[in-house]
Protein backbone atom coordinates (compact mmCIF):
# COMPACT_ATOMS: atom_id res chain seq x y z
CA MET A 1 22.78 0.41 -98.32
CA SER A 2 21.14 -0.03 -94.93
CA ARG A 3 24.13 -2.01 -93.65
CA ILE A 4 26.31 1.02 -94.31
CA GLY A 5 23.77 3.27 -92.61
CA LYS A 6 23.84 1.25 -89.40
CA LEU A 7 27.60 1.70 -88.90
CA PRO A 8 28.44 4.33 -86.27
CA ILE A 9 30.90 7.13 -87.07
CA THR A 10 33.54 7.69 -84.39
CA LEU A 11 34.67 11.29 -84.16
CA PRO A 12 38.45 11.89 -84.19
CA LYS A 13 40.01 14.19 -81.62
CA GLY A 14 39.17 17.84 -82.26
CA VAL A 15 36.07 17.15 -84.40
CA SER A 16 32.60 18.14 -83.22
CA VAL A 17 29.17 17.63 -84.78
CA GLN A 18 26.20 19.89 -84.07
CA VAL A 19 22.67 19.21 -85.34
CA ASP A 20 19.93 21.82 -85.64
CA ALA A 21 16.74 19.93 -84.69
CA VAL A 22 14.41 22.29 -86.58
CA THR A 23 16.10 22.41 -90.01
CA ASN A 24 18.03 19.12 -89.68
CA GLU A 25 21.19 20.95 -90.72
CA THR A 26 24.43 19.37 -89.54
CA LEU A 27 27.59 21.37 -88.84
CA VAL A 28 30.88 19.48 -88.62
CA LYS A 29 33.86 21.41 -87.20
CA GLY A 30 37.45 20.24 -87.14
CA PRO A 31 41.05 21.40 -87.31
CA LYS A 32 40.96 21.83 -91.13
CA GLY A 33 37.70 23.79 -91.26
CA GLU A 34 33.96 23.32 -91.07
CA LEU A 35 31.30 21.86 -93.36
CA ARG A 36 27.51 22.24 -93.35
CA MET A 37 24.86 20.03 -94.88
CA ARG A 38 21.10 19.85 -94.66
CA PHE A 39 19.84 16.28 -94.23
CA HIS A 40 16.52 14.81 -95.33
CA PRO A 41 13.84 15.37 -92.66
CA ASP A 42 13.19 11.61 -92.32
CA ILE A 43 16.79 10.81 -91.34
CA LYS A 44 17.69 11.63 -87.73
CA VAL A 45 21.29 12.37 -86.68
CA VAL A 46 22.13 11.34 -83.09
CA VAL A 47 25.38 12.43 -81.40
CA ASP A 48 26.47 10.43 -78.32
CA SER A 49 29.83 11.13 -76.64
CA GLY A 50 32.18 10.91 -79.62
CA VAL A 51 29.97 8.65 -81.76
CA VAL A 52 27.47 9.73 -84.42
CA ARG A 53 24.64 7.45 -85.56
CA LEU A 54 21.93 7.93 -88.15
CA GLU A 55 18.43 6.58 -87.66
CA ARG A 56 15.63 6.01 -90.16
CA PRO A 57 11.89 5.87 -89.37
CA THR A 58 10.93 2.76 -91.39
CA ASP A 59 12.43 -0.07 -93.42
CA GLN A 60 11.11 1.25 -96.73
CA LYS A 61 13.51 0.96 -99.63
CA ARG A 62 13.66 4.75 -99.94
CA HIS A 63 14.53 5.21 -96.27
CA LYS A 64 17.20 2.49 -96.44
CA ALA A 65 18.81 4.21 -99.44
CA LEU A 66 18.76 7.64 -97.75
CA HIS A 67 20.14 6.08 -94.55
CA GLY A 68 23.23 4.71 -96.31
CA LEU A 69 23.70 7.82 -98.46
CA TYR A 70 23.65 10.29 -95.59
CA ARG A 71 25.86 8.09 -93.42
CA ALA A 72 28.49 8.01 -96.20
CA LEU A 73 28.23 11.79 -96.74
CA LEU A 74 28.57 12.47 -93.01
CA ALA A 75 31.58 10.14 -92.76
CA ASN A 76 33.22 12.04 -95.65
CA MET A 77 32.54 15.34 -93.89
CA VAL A 78 34.13 14.08 -90.66
CA SER A 79 37.26 12.76 -92.42
CA GLY A 80 37.44 15.93 -94.52
CA VAL A 81 37.59 18.33 -91.57
CA SER A 82 40.06 16.11 -89.70
CA ASP A 83 42.42 14.90 -92.48
CA GLY A 84 41.31 16.57 -95.71
CA PHE A 85 41.25 15.15 -99.24
CA GLU A 86 43.74 15.38 -102.08
CA LYS A 87 43.64 14.78 -105.85
CA LYS A 88 46.66 14.87 -108.15
CA LEU A 89 46.47 15.52 -111.89
CA GLU A 90 49.32 14.88 -114.32
CA LEU A 91 49.80 16.83 -117.57
CA VAL A 92 51.19 14.48 -120.24
CA GLY A 93 52.46 16.19 -123.39
CA VAL A 94 55.34 18.19 -124.80
CA GLY A 95 55.20 21.80 -123.62
CA TYR A 96 52.30 21.24 -121.21
CA ARG A 97 52.56 23.54 -118.18
CA ALA A 98 50.50 24.57 -115.16
CA GLN A 99 50.78 27.68 -113.02
CA VAL A 100 48.84 28.60 -109.88
CA THR A 101 48.42 32.23 -108.81
CA GLY A 102 46.17 32.52 -105.76
CA GLN A 103 42.87 30.91 -106.79
CA LEU A 104 43.64 31.08 -110.53
CA LEU A 105 44.93 27.97 -112.32
CA GLU A 106 46.48 28.60 -115.74
CA LEU A 107 47.03 25.61 -118.05
CA THR A 108 49.08 25.59 -121.24
CA ILE A 109 48.01 22.32 -122.86
CA GLY A 110 48.49 22.58 -126.61
CA PHE A 111 45.72 25.04 -127.46
CA SER A 112 46.39 28.40 -129.11
CA HIS A 113 45.49 30.08 -125.82
CA PRO A 114 46.03 29.31 -122.13
CA VAL A 115 43.08 27.77 -120.27
CA LEU A 116 42.15 29.57 -117.04
CA PHE A 117 40.27 28.11 -114.07
CA VAL A 118 39.03 30.13 -111.12
CA LEU A 119 39.12 27.70 -108.21
CA PRO A 120 36.56 27.91 -105.37
CA LYS A 121 37.91 29.33 -102.11
CA GLU A 122 37.54 25.90 -100.43
CA ILE A 123 40.16 24.36 -102.76
CA LYS A 124 43.90 24.94 -102.46
CA ALA A 125 46.04 24.18 -105.51
CA THR A 126 49.76 23.79 -106.15
CA ALA A 127 51.58 23.06 -109.39
CA GLU A 128 55.00 21.44 -109.44
CA GLN A 129 57.29 21.13 -112.43
CA VAL A 130 60.38 18.93 -112.19
CA LYS A 131 62.72 18.89 -115.16
CA GLY A 132 62.33 15.68 -117.15
CA GLN A 133 58.97 14.81 -115.59
CA ASN A 134 55.37 15.71 -116.33
CA PRO A 135 53.87 18.69 -114.45
CA ILE A 136 51.62 17.70 -111.52
CA ILE A 137 48.71 19.72 -110.14
CA THR A 138 47.75 18.95 -106.53
CA LEU A 139 44.28 19.95 -105.34
CA THR A 140 43.40 19.76 -101.61
CA SER A 141 40.13 20.47 -99.83
CA THR A 142 37.91 19.42 -96.95
CA ASP A 143 34.89 18.93 -99.26
CA LYS A 144 35.26 15.61 -101.12
CA GLN A 145 32.44 16.24 -103.58
CA LEU A 146 33.61 19.72 -104.60
CA LEU A 147 37.19 18.47 -104.96
CA GLY A 148 36.21 15.57 -107.20
CA GLN A 149 33.96 17.78 -109.31
CA MET A 150 36.70 20.38 -109.84
CA ALA A 151 39.31 17.72 -110.66
CA ALA A 152 36.95 16.13 -113.21
CA LYS A 153 36.26 19.54 -114.77
CA ILE A 154 40.00 20.23 -115.15
CA ARG A 155 40.55 16.76 -116.65
CA SER A 156 37.69 17.24 -119.13
CA VAL A 157 39.48 20.16 -120.82
CA ARG A 158 42.00 17.77 -122.41
CA LYS A 159 41.16 14.10 -121.74
CA PRO A 160 43.99 11.64 -122.40
CA GLU A 161 43.86 10.35 -125.95
CA PRO A 162 44.16 6.57 -126.44
CA TYR A 163 47.15 6.44 -128.83
CA LYS A 164 49.96 8.34 -127.10
CA GLY A 165 48.25 9.13 -123.80
CA LYS A 166 48.61 12.92 -124.18
CA GLY A 167 46.28 15.02 -122.05
CA ILE A 168 45.36 15.54 -118.40
CA LYS A 169 45.02 12.40 -116.29
CA PHE A 170 44.81 11.50 -112.62
CA VAL A 171 48.08 10.30 -111.08
CA GLY A 172 47.96 6.52 -111.02
CA GLU A 173 45.14 6.33 -113.58
CA ILE A 174 45.56 3.41 -115.97
CA LEU A 175 44.64 4.29 -119.53
CA ARG A 176 43.49 1.85 -122.18
CA ARG A 177 45.91 2.33 -125.03
CA LYS A 178 45.20 1.52 -128.66
CA ALA A 179 47.69 0.32 -131.22
CA GLY A 180 48.15 2.64 -134.16
CA LYS A 181 47.94 1.95 -137.89
CA SER A 182 51.15 -0.08 -137.92
CA ALA A 183 49.53 -2.85 -135.88
CA ALA A 184 46.91 -3.57 -138.56
CA THR A 185 47.21 -7.12 -139.85
CA GLY A 186 46.81 -8.19 -143.43
CA GLY A 187 48.05 -6.56 -146.57
CA GLY A 188 46.86 -3.53 -148.41
CA SER A 189 45.02 -3.44 -151.72
CA LYS A 190 46.45 -5.50 -154.61
């Protein structure tokens, strides 16, 4: 991980990083918003004219691991406030629907009741339904971790089953499909 930690992060235009020396809290501001994160006290964040570097005090295994971790988290924060992140979920099944009203996501996915999700204010959601195609939910945010966690939580409500593939899956996700009973070889009982 230390090789990742040594890589400098170049700041895109319009992105600024401020570090509080006392609490080691880092604030990243950009055109899409701002993110805060408190770093471990051993890891030092250095900002030099458009480039951010992270420094560790020793070459201990623990410090090397923290160095790479916090460098990756800071790089995600910088790309989040400049470009943002997006996850797309596809609802596969007859009669499956999604509807977004403000921060409320309503899913009709084969249960006797609709499933409701209250989305955090940092996440924006849209649902699109094209006739003849599966509904697609698009989640966008500046916070990569929160976005991935929310997408995984939505997917866990109705995971794709292995026989027909019905359920909620990520767009582009490749599912391992199983053959049904008809693929069994050999005869029955005699």
